[in-house]
Amino acid sequence: MATTIASDNLIDYTPGAAVAAGAVVVIGDLIGIAAVPIEANRLGSLAIRGTSQFPKAAGAAINAGAKVYWDSANSVATATSGGNKFLGVSPAGALSDATTVVVVHYPPGA
């Protein structure tokens, strides 16, 4: 028998520093998004599944259906894996001159 400790979409999170609404939080290989502000050292929650619009790396297109990664150093979504963390898949993609991209985000391996 299993004991549920979190819903499918949210996890508990207590940050050491304040987190703004919409902030992307990287915890190891897991990426969460704060729907509302979370005060430092206060319990809040992060969405680990959903569909969100993210700022996109300049100059490179992302194809529809392509894997998308989070570039923490530049705070943008990109199609380049490298040292970036898996974010999800873009259902519609984004042209090279687009500044944002829609991503269905979920944990790696889900």
Protein backbone atom coordinates (compact mmCIF):
# COMPACT_ATOMS: atom_id res chain seq x y z
CA MET A 1 0.00 0.00 0.00
CA ALA A 2 1.19 3.54 -0.81
CA THR A 3 0.80 6.70 1.23
CA THR A 4 0.24 9.87 -0.79
CA ILE A 5 2.58 12.65 0.30
CA ALA A 6 1.92 15.15 -2.50
CA SER A 7 -0.49 15.66 -5.38
CA ASP A 8 0.58 14.85 -8.93
CA ASN A 9 1.26 18.46 -9.73
CA LEU A 10 2.61 20.14 -6.59
CA ILE A 11 5.39 19.54 -4.10
CA ASP A 12 6.06 21.23 -0.78
CA TYR A 13 9.01 23.60 -0.81
CA THR A 14 10.61 25.77 1.87
CA PRO A 15 13.12 28.19 0.31
CA GLY A 16 16.09 29.70 2.13
CA ALA A 17 15.44 33.00 0.33
CA ALA A 18 12.19 34.53 -0.91
CA VAL A 19 10.90 33.15 -4.22
CA ALA A 20 8.84 35.33 -6.58
CA ALA A 21 5.66 34.16 -8.29
CA GLY A 22 6.59 32.60 -11.62
CA ALA A 23 10.14 31.82 -10.52
CA VAL A 24 11.69 28.64 -11.84
CA VAL A 25 13.29 26.64 -9.03
CA VAL A 26 15.82 23.90 -9.78
CA ILE A 27 16.17 21.17 -7.15
CA GLY A 28 18.73 18.69 -8.47
CA ASP A 29 17.16 17.35 -11.68
CA LEU A 30 13.66 18.50 -10.69
CA ILE A 31 12.22 21.82 -11.85
CA GLY A 32 9.34 23.52 -10.11
CA ILE A 33 7.50 26.78 -10.72
CA ALA A 34 6.20 28.98 -7.93
CA ALA A 35 2.59 29.94 -8.69
CA VAL A 36 2.58 32.51 -5.87
CA PRO A 37 5.38 34.20 -3.92
CA ILE A 38 6.98 32.09 -1.18
CA GLU A 39 8.57 33.84 1.79
CA ALA A 40 12.01 32.76 2.95
CA ASN A 41 11.89 29.83 5.39
CA ARG A 42 8.11 29.44 4.91
CA LEU A 43 6.42 26.37 3.49
CA GLY A 44 5.05 26.91 -0.01
CA SER A 45 4.53 24.78 -3.08
CA LEU A 46 5.99 24.36 -6.53
CA ALA A 47 4.23 23.07 -9.63
CA ILE A 48 6.24 20.19 -11.10
CA ARG A 49 3.75 19.48 -13.90
CA GLY A 50 1.74 21.80 -16.08
CA THR A 51 1.81 24.03 -19.11
CA SER A 52 3.61 27.33 -18.79
CA GLN A 53 5.13 30.05 -20.93
CA PHE A 54 8.85 30.58 -20.36
CA PRO A 55 11.36 33.16 -21.60
CA LYS A 56 13.25 31.63 -24.55
CA ALA A 57 16.90 31.80 -25.51
CA ALA A 58 17.42 34.39 -28.24
CA GLY A 59 18.24 33.43 -31.80
CA ALA A 60 17.34 29.74 -31.82
CA ALA A 61 14.05 28.17 -32.86
CA ILE A 62 12.44 25.39 -30.85
CA ASN A 63 10.54 22.87 -32.98
CA ALA A 64 7.05 21.69 -32.11
CA GLY A 65 7.30 18.51 -30.06
CA ALA A 66 10.95 19.16 -29.16
CA LYS A 67 12.44 18.57 -25.72
CA VAL A 68 13.10 21.81 -23.88
CA TYR A 69 15.71 22.44 -21.18
CA TRP A 70 16.13 25.13 -18.53
CA ASP A 71 19.31 27.20 -18.77
CA SER A 72 19.72 28.34 -15.15
CA ALA A 73 22.68 30.58 -15.91
CA ASN A 74 20.60 32.70 -18.31
CA SER A 75 17.11 31.97 -16.91
CA VAL A 76 15.73 30.87 -20.30
CA ALA A 77 14.26 27.80 -21.96
CA THR A 78 16.36 26.29 -24.74
CA ALA A 79 16.48 23.28 -27.05
CA THR A 80 20.11 22.72 -26.01
CA SER A 81 20.62 20.02 -23.40
CA GLY A 82 24.32 20.39 -22.50
CA GLY A 83 24.45 21.06 -18.76
CA ASN A 84 20.87 22.33 -18.75
CA LYS A 85 18.05 20.56 -16.87
CA PHE A 86 15.16 18.85 -18.67
CA LEU A 87 12.05 21.04 -18.50
CA GLY A 88 9.50 19.33 -20.76
CA VAL A 89 8.25 19.43 -24.35
CA SER A 90 7.02 22.35 -26.44
CA PRO A 91 3.66 21.53 -28.04
CA ALA A 92 3.82 24.29 -30.65
CA GLY A 93 7.48 25.31 -30.74
CA ALA A 94 8.75 28.86 -31.15
CA LEU A 95 10.41 30.75 -33.99
CA SER A 96 13.98 31.97 -33.61
CA ASP A 97 12.86 35.58 -33.05
CA ALA A 98 10.27 34.62 -30.40
CA THR A 99 11.01 35.73 -26.84
CA THR A 100 8.88 33.04 -25.16
CA VAL A 101 7.98 29.40 -25.60
CA VAL A 102 5.11 27.33 -24.22
CA VAL A 103 6.26 24.13 -22.52
CA VAL A 104 4.37 21.21 -21.05
CA HIS A 105 6.70 20.72 -18.10
CA TYR A 106 7.09 17.53 -16.08
CA PRO A 107 9.80 15.70 -14.14
CA PRO A 108 12.43 13.83 -16.15
CA GLY A 109 11.45 10.25 -16.88
CA ALA A 110 7.75 10.91 -16.19
